[in-house]
Amino acid sequence: MIDYDPTRPKWVQIYEVVRARIESGEYPPHHLISEVQMEGEFGVARVTIRKVTAKLREDGLIVTTPGMGSFVAQGKKKTSEQA
């Protein structure tokens, strides 16, 4: 579990941790991003983890396949629409 900054949303802080793990290679391409494991590791509810995975998907860092799960994307993409 991490020490959360009470002035920032927990999901944003978790997103930053997971993004850093992807960018550092700790989570390589095709690595399973398990919502259940993240719930336990970060001590938060599934709804919080779903916000994290939605943002990771939006940023092109993970790909979700129905019935299989979410996996780290092949390439580290950044959307050109980010401001």
C-alpha atoms as a PDB file:
ATOM      1  CA  MET A   1       0.000   0.000   0.000  1.00  0.00           C
ATOM      2  CA  ILE A   2       1.215   3.534  -0.680  1.00  0.00           C
ATOM      3  CA  ASP A   3       1.022   6.627   1.486  1.00  0.00           C
ATOM      4  CA  TYR A   4      -1.703   8.666  -0.155  1.00  0.00           C
ATOM      5  CA  ASP A   5      -1.597  12.444  -0.455  1.00  0.00           C
ATOM      6  CA  PRO A   6      -4.990  13.499   0.981  1.00  0.00           C
ATOM      7  CA  THR A   7      -5.089  16.558  -1.299  1.00  0.00           C
ATOM      8  CA  ARG A   8      -5.168  14.462  -4.508  1.00  0.00           C
ATOM      9  CA  PRO A   9      -7.584  11.763  -5.701  1.00  0.00           C
ATOM     10  CA  LYS A  10      -6.382   8.243  -4.897  1.00  0.00           C
ATOM     11  CA  TRP A  11      -7.060   7.012  -8.424  1.00  0.00           C
ATOM     12  CA  VAL A  12      -4.695   9.645  -9.861  1.00  0.00           C
ATOM     13  CA  GLN A  13      -1.933   8.600  -7.483  1.00  0.00           C
ATOM     14  CA  ILE A  14      -2.409   4.913  -8.335  1.00  0.00           C
ATOM     15  CA  TYR A  15      -2.481   5.754 -12.058  1.00  0.00           C
ATOM     16  CA  GLU A  16       0.884   7.509 -11.686  1.00  0.00           C
ATOM     17  CA  VAL A  17       2.401   4.465  -9.941  1.00  0.00           C
ATOM     18  CA  VAL A  18       1.129   2.014 -12.565  1.00  0.00           C
ATOM     19  CA  ARG A  19       2.117   4.320 -15.453  1.00  0.00           C
ATOM     20  CA  ALA A  20       5.640   4.584 -14.016  1.00  0.00           C
ATOM     21  CA  ARG A  21       5.838   0.782 -13.784  1.00  0.00           C
ATOM     22  CA  ILE A  22       4.804   0.468 -17.438  1.00  0.00           C
ATOM     23  CA  GLU A  23       7.216   3.161 -18.605  1.00  0.00           C
ATOM     24  CA  SER A  24      10.132   1.688 -16.622  1.00  0.00           C
ATOM     25  CA  GLY A  25       9.542  -1.779 -18.072  1.00  0.00           C
ATOM     26  CA  GLU A  26       8.612  -3.298 -14.721  1.00  0.00           C
ATOM     27  CA  TYR A  27       5.317  -4.137 -16.452  1.00  0.00           C
ATOM     28  CA  PRO A  28       6.466  -5.231 -19.937  1.00  0.00           C
ATOM     29  CA  PRO A  29       4.240  -5.446 -23.051  1.00  0.00           C
ATOM     30  CA  HIS A  30       1.486  -8.058 -22.681  1.00  0.00           C
ATOM     31  CA  HIS A  31       1.749  -8.009 -18.845  1.00  0.00           C
ATOM     32  CA  LEU A  32      -1.675  -8.636 -17.276  1.00  0.00           C
ATOM     33  CA  ILE A  33      -3.019  -5.637 -15.357  1.00  0.00           C
ATOM     34  CA  SER A  34      -5.223  -7.328 -12.749  1.00  0.00           C
ATOM     35  CA  GLU A  35      -7.911  -5.191 -11.120  1.00  0.00           C
ATOM     36  CA  VAL A  36      -8.193  -7.696  -8.265  1.00  0.00           C
ATOM     37  CA  GLN A  37      -4.449  -7.554  -7.557  1.00  0.00           C
ATOM     38  CA  MET A  38      -4.458  -3.749  -7.657  1.00  0.00           C
ATOM     39  CA  GLU A  39      -7.413  -3.627  -5.245  1.00  0.00           C
ATOM     40  CA  GLY A  40      -5.393  -5.636  -2.751  1.00  0.00           C
ATOM     41  CA  GLU A  41      -2.091  -3.869  -3.327  1.00  0.00           C
ATOM     42  CA  PHE A  42      -3.479  -0.350  -3.042  1.00  0.00           C
ATOM     43  CA  GLY A  43      -6.294  -1.067  -0.571  1.00  0.00           C
ATOM     44  CA  VAL A  44      -9.031   0.608  -2.586  1.00  0.00           C
ATOM     45  CA  ALA A  45     -12.423  -0.325  -4.038  1.00  0.00           C
ATOM     46  CA  ARG A  46     -12.924  -1.736  -7.525  1.00  0.00           C
ATOM     47  CA  VAL A  47     -14.559   1.512  -8.702  1.00  0.00           C
ATOM     48  CA  THR A  48     -11.302   3.359  -7.944  1.00  0.00           C
ATOM     49  CA  ILE A  49      -9.255   0.794  -9.889  1.00  0.00           C
ATOM     50  CA  ARG A  50     -11.662   1.039 -12.811  1.00  0.00           C
ATOM     51  CA  LYS A  51     -10.924   4.789 -13.035  1.00  0.00           C
ATOM     52  CA  VAL A  52      -7.224   3.914 -13.176  1.00  0.00           C
ATOM     53  CA  THR A  53      -7.654   1.345 -15.945  1.00  0.00           C
ATOM     54  CA  ALA A  54      -9.929   3.671 -17.916  1.00  0.00           C
ATOM     55  CA  LYS A  55      -7.248   6.390 -17.882  1.00  0.00           C
ATOM     56  CA  LEU A  56      -4.483   3.902 -18.789  1.00  0.00           C
ATOM     57  CA  ARG A  57      -6.635   2.697 -21.706  1.00  0.00           C
ATOM     58  CA  GLU A  58      -7.397   6.290 -22.768  1.00  0.00           C
ATOM     59  CA  ASP A  59      -3.660   7.049 -22.804  1.00  0.00           C
ATOM     60  CA  GLY A  60      -2.931   3.950 -24.913  1.00  0.00           C
ATOM     61  CA  LEU A  61      -0.872   2.285 -22.195  1.00  0.00           C
ATOM     62  CA  ILE A  62      -3.116  -0.783 -21.864  1.00  0.00           C
ATOM     63  CA  VAL A  63      -5.453  -2.721 -24.121  1.00  0.00           C
ATOM     64  CA  THR A  64      -8.526  -4.476 -22.741  1.00  0.00           C
ATOM     65  CA  THR A  65      -9.906  -7.605 -24.389  1.00  0.00           C
ATOM     66  CA  PRO A  66     -13.361  -8.655 -23.173  1.00  0.00           C
ATOM     67  CA  GLY A  67     -13.214 -12.005 -21.422  1.00  0.00           C
ATOM     68  CA  MET A  68      -9.424 -11.927 -21.191  1.00  0.00           C
ATOM     69  CA  GLY A  69      -8.445  -8.825 -19.229  1.00  0.00           C
ATOM     70  CA  SER A  70      -6.260  -5.743 -19.572  1.00  0.00           C
ATOM     71  CA  PHE A  71      -2.691  -5.977 -20.812  1.00  0.00           C
ATOM     72  CA  VAL A  72       0.164  -3.530 -21.259  1.00  0.00           C
ATOM     73  CA  ALA A  73       0.107  -2.260 -24.840  1.00  0.00           C
ATOM     74  CA  GLN A  74       2.832  -3.259 -27.299  1.00  0.00           C
ATOM     75  CA  GLY A  75       4.148   0.294 -27.705  1.00  0.00           C
ATOM     76  CA  LYS A  76       4.055   3.194 -25.264  1.00  0.00           C
ATOM     77  CA  LYS A  77       1.669   5.567 -26.998  1.00  0.00           C
ATOM     78  CA  LYS A  78       0.777   9.077 -26.017  1.00  0.00           C
ATOM     79  CA  THR A  79      -2.355  10.639 -27.399  1.00  0.00           C
ATOM     80  CA  SER A  80      -1.852  13.791 -29.441  1.00  0.00           C
ATOM     81  CA  GLU A  81      -5.053  15.230 -27.965  1.00  0.00           C
ATOM     82  CA  GLN A  82      -3.516  15.628 -24.502  1.00  0.00           C
ATOM     83  CA  ALA A  83      -3.292  19.263 -23.520  1.00  0.00           C
END
